[in-house]
Amino acid sequence: MQQTVMFPFEWLVIFVIPAVAILLVVFVLWQHQRQRQSFLQVLQAHQQLLTALNNSQSELEELRSGLIGVGQRVLQLETAWQRSQQDLQMVANEIEQISEHQQKMQLFDPESKLYNRAMKMVQLGAGLDEIMQECELPRAEAELLLNLHRQHQTSASS
């Protein structure tokens, strides 16, 4: 029997190369596993970002819809305000016309002139007979004017 002596090179071929190959396979599998985990993490982050984007788009659409509603309401209020301003202007014009008409009526109303003159005379201190004679008023009306003037003076001095 012949024993063969193995040289270091043969040892190298028999043990080291398969060990290195196994280590290389383990390293490649480990790297593959790490890359796969990184990919899964990136994929999960991507999914979360897509979900957040969809939620943001939904919220934005709700805000747009609400803003359109608010804009329409503002337009309605502006229109109502303009109508109110027009109505207010019409009322002011009517009041002015009525006031002018009333003043014209007072200028042409002879009785009004007499009562105004009688009041002036009362304020200047004229007596009952003088007022009756100058303004052609009945006694009761002249007395009423005098009494009203006296009440006004006593309430003003209080």
Protein backbone atom coordinates (compact mmCIF):
# COMPACT_ATOMS: atom_id res chain seq x y z
CA MET A 1 0.00 0.00 0.00
CA GLN A 2 1.16 3.07 -0.94
CA GLN A 3 0.36 6.04 0.98
CA THR A 4 0.09 9.20 -0.78
CA VAL A 5 1.20 12.26 0.88
CA MET A 6 -0.87 15.24 0.22
CA PHE A 7 0.81 18.44 -0.51
CA PRO A 8 -0.35 21.71 0.80
CA PHE A 9 -1.70 22.49 -2.57
CA GLU A 10 -3.95 19.51 -2.47
CA TRP A 11 -5.02 20.50 1.01
CA LEU A 12 -5.78 23.86 -0.38
CA VAL A 13 -7.89 22.44 -3.10
CA ILE A 14 -9.75 20.00 -0.90
CA PHE A 15 -10.53 22.18 2.12
CA VAL A 16 -9.89 25.84 1.54
CA ILE A 17 -11.53 26.35 -1.81
CA PRO A 18 -14.83 24.69 -0.78
CA ALA A 19 -14.72 26.62 2.51
CA VAL A 20 -14.18 29.89 0.67
CA ALA A 21 -16.93 28.97 -1.76
CA ILE A 22 -19.28 28.23 1.14
CA LEU A 23 -18.32 31.49 2.83
CA LEU A 24 -18.85 33.31 -0.43
CA VAL A 25 -22.30 31.73 -0.84
CA VAL A 26 -23.19 32.63 2.76
CA PHE A 27 -21.96 36.19 2.20
CA VAL A 28 -23.95 36.51 -1.04
CA LEU A 29 -27.08 35.16 0.68
CA TRP A 30 -26.55 37.53 3.61
CA GLN A 31 -26.14 40.49 1.24
CA HIS A 32 -29.22 39.38 -0.68
CA GLN A 33 -31.19 39.20 2.57
CA ARG A 34 -30.03 42.73 3.57
CA GLN A 35 -30.95 44.13 0.16
CA ARG A 36 -34.31 42.40 0.34
CA GLN A 37 -34.99 43.93 3.77
CA SER A 38 -33.94 47.36 2.51
CA PHE A 39 -36.18 46.93 -0.50
CA LEU A 40 -39.10 45.94 1.73
CA GLN A 41 -38.51 48.97 3.95
CA VAL A 42 -38.39 51.27 0.92
CA LEU A 43 -41.52 49.61 -0.45
CA GLN A 44 -43.32 50.08 2.87
CA ALA A 45 -42.24 53.74 3.04
CA HIS A 46 -43.43 54.16 -0.54
CA GLN A 47 -46.83 52.69 0.37
CA GLN A 48 -47.11 55.03 3.35
CA LEU A 49 -46.25 58.01 1.18
CA LEU A 50 -48.86 56.97 -1.39
CA THR A 51 -51.47 56.67 1.37
CA ALA A 52 -50.52 60.10 2.74
CA LEU A 53 -50.67 61.56 -0.78
CA ASN A 54 -54.13 60.09 -1.36
CA ASN A 55 -55.32 61.46 1.99
CA SER A 56 -53.90 64.89 1.17
CA GLN A 57 -55.57 64.86 -2.23
CA SER A 58 -58.91 63.99 -0.61
CA GLU A 59 -58.52 66.77 1.95
CA LEU A 60 -57.56 69.22 -0.78
CA GLU A 61 -60.65 68.29 -2.77
CA GLU A 62 -62.83 68.81 0.32
CA LEU A 63 -61.23 72.21 0.87
CA ARG A 64 -61.81 73.16 -2.76
CA SER A 65 -65.46 72.17 -2.50
CA GLY A 66 -65.86 74.14 0.72
CA LEU A 67 -64.14 77.15 -0.78
CA ILE A 68 -66.46 77.08 -3.77
CA GLY A 69 -69.45 77.00 -1.41
CA VAL A 70 -68.06 79.92 0.60
CA GLY A 71 -67.42 81.88 -2.60
CA GLN A 72 -70.99 81.33 -3.74
CA ARG A 73 -72.31 82.43 -0.34
CA VAL A 74 -70.15 85.58 -0.48
CA LEU A 75 -71.58 86.38 -3.92
CA GLN A 76 -75.12 85.91 -2.58
CA LEU A 77 -74.40 88.18 0.36
CA GLU A 78 -72.87 90.84 -1.88
CA THR A 79 -75.92 90.75 -4.13
CA ALA A 80 -78.26 91.02 -1.13
CA TRP A 81 -76.16 93.88 0.29
CA GLN A 82 -76.31 95.75 -3.03
CA ARG A 83 -80.09 95.27 -3.16
CA SER A 84 -80.36 96.54 0.42
CA GLN A 85 -78.27 99.59 -0.47
CA GLN A 86 -80.51 100.29 -3.45
CA ASP A 87 -83.64 99.87 -1.30
CA LEU A 88 -82.15 102.15 1.34
CA GLN A 89 -81.37 104.78 -1.27
CA MET A 90 -84.93 104.55 -2.62
CA VAL A 91 -86.35 104.97 0.90
CA ALA A 92 -84.06 107.95 1.52
CA ASN A 93 -85.21 109.53 -1.74
CA GLU A 94 -88.86 108.95 -0.83
CA ILE A 95 -88.33 110.47 2.62
CA GLU A 96 -86.68 113.49 1.06
CA GLN A 97 -89.55 113.90 -1.39
CA ILE A 98 -92.12 113.58 1.40
CA SER A 99 -90.23 116.10 3.50
CA GLU A 100 -90.08 118.56 0.61
CA HIS A 101 -93.79 118.04 -0.06
CA GLN A 102 -94.61 118.60 3.61
CA GLN A 103 -92.59 121.82 3.65
CA LYS A 104 -94.39 123.05 0.54
CA MET A 105 -97.73 122.23 2.11
CA GLN A 106 -96.82 124.17 5.24
CA LEU A 107 -95.87 127.20 3.16
CA PHE A 108 -99.23 127.22 1.40
CA ASP A 109 -101.40 126.26 4.38
CA PRO A 110 -102.90 129.51 5.74
CA GLU A 111 -103.84 127.93 9.08
CA SER A 112 -100.29 126.75 9.53
CA LYS A 113 -99.06 130.27 8.99
CA LEU A 114 -101.48 131.56 11.60
CA TYR A 115 -100.44 128.98 14.17
CA ASN A 116 -96.77 129.62 13.52
CA ARG A 117 -97.36 133.34 13.92
CA ALA A 118 -99.38 132.75 17.10
CA MET A 119 -96.55 130.61 18.56
CA LYS A 120 -94.04 133.34 17.79
CA MET A 121 -96.26 135.85 19.53
CA VAL A 122 -96.59 133.55 22.58
CA GLN A 123 -92.83 133.17 22.72
CA LEU A 124 -92.43 136.94 22.56
CA GLY A 125 -94.82 137.30 25.50
CA ALA A 126 -98.04 138.47 23.78
CA GLY A 127 -101.25 138.21 25.75
CA LEU A 128 -104.37 136.13 25.11
CA ASP A 129 -106.46 138.93 23.59
CA GLU A 130 -103.61 140.09 21.34
CA ILE A 131 -103.08 136.57 19.98
CA MET A 132 -106.81 136.09 19.40
CA GLN A 133 -107.10 139.39 17.57
CA GLU A 134 -103.91 139.26 15.43
CA CYS A 135 -104.16 135.58 14.43
CA GLU A 136 -107.96 135.34 14.33
CA LEU A 137 -107.91 132.32 16.64
CA PRO A 138 -110.76 131.24 18.90
CA ARG A 139 -110.22 131.75 22.63
CA ALA A 140 -109.81 128.01 23.34
CA GLU A 141 -107.03 127.62 20.77
CA ALA A 142 -105.20 130.72 21.97
CA GLU A 143 -105.42 129.49 25.59
CA LEU A 144 -104.16 126.08 24.49
CA LEU A 145 -101.11 127.68 22.83
CA LEU A 146 -100.38 129.75 25.95
CA ASN A 147 -100.70 126.71 28.25
CA LEU A 148 -98.47 124.59 26.03
CA HIS A 149 -95.85 127.34 26.02
CA ARG A 150 -95.94 127.62 29.83
CA GLN A 151 -95.60 123.83 30.24
CA HIS A 152 -92.69 123.82 27.86
CA GLN A 153 -90.98 126.61 29.81
CA THR A 154 -91.46 124.86 33.20
CA SER A 155 -90.17 121.51 31.86
CA ALA A 156 -87.16 123.21 30.23
CA SER A 157 -86.23 125.03 33.43
CA SER A 158 -86.43 121.82 35.56
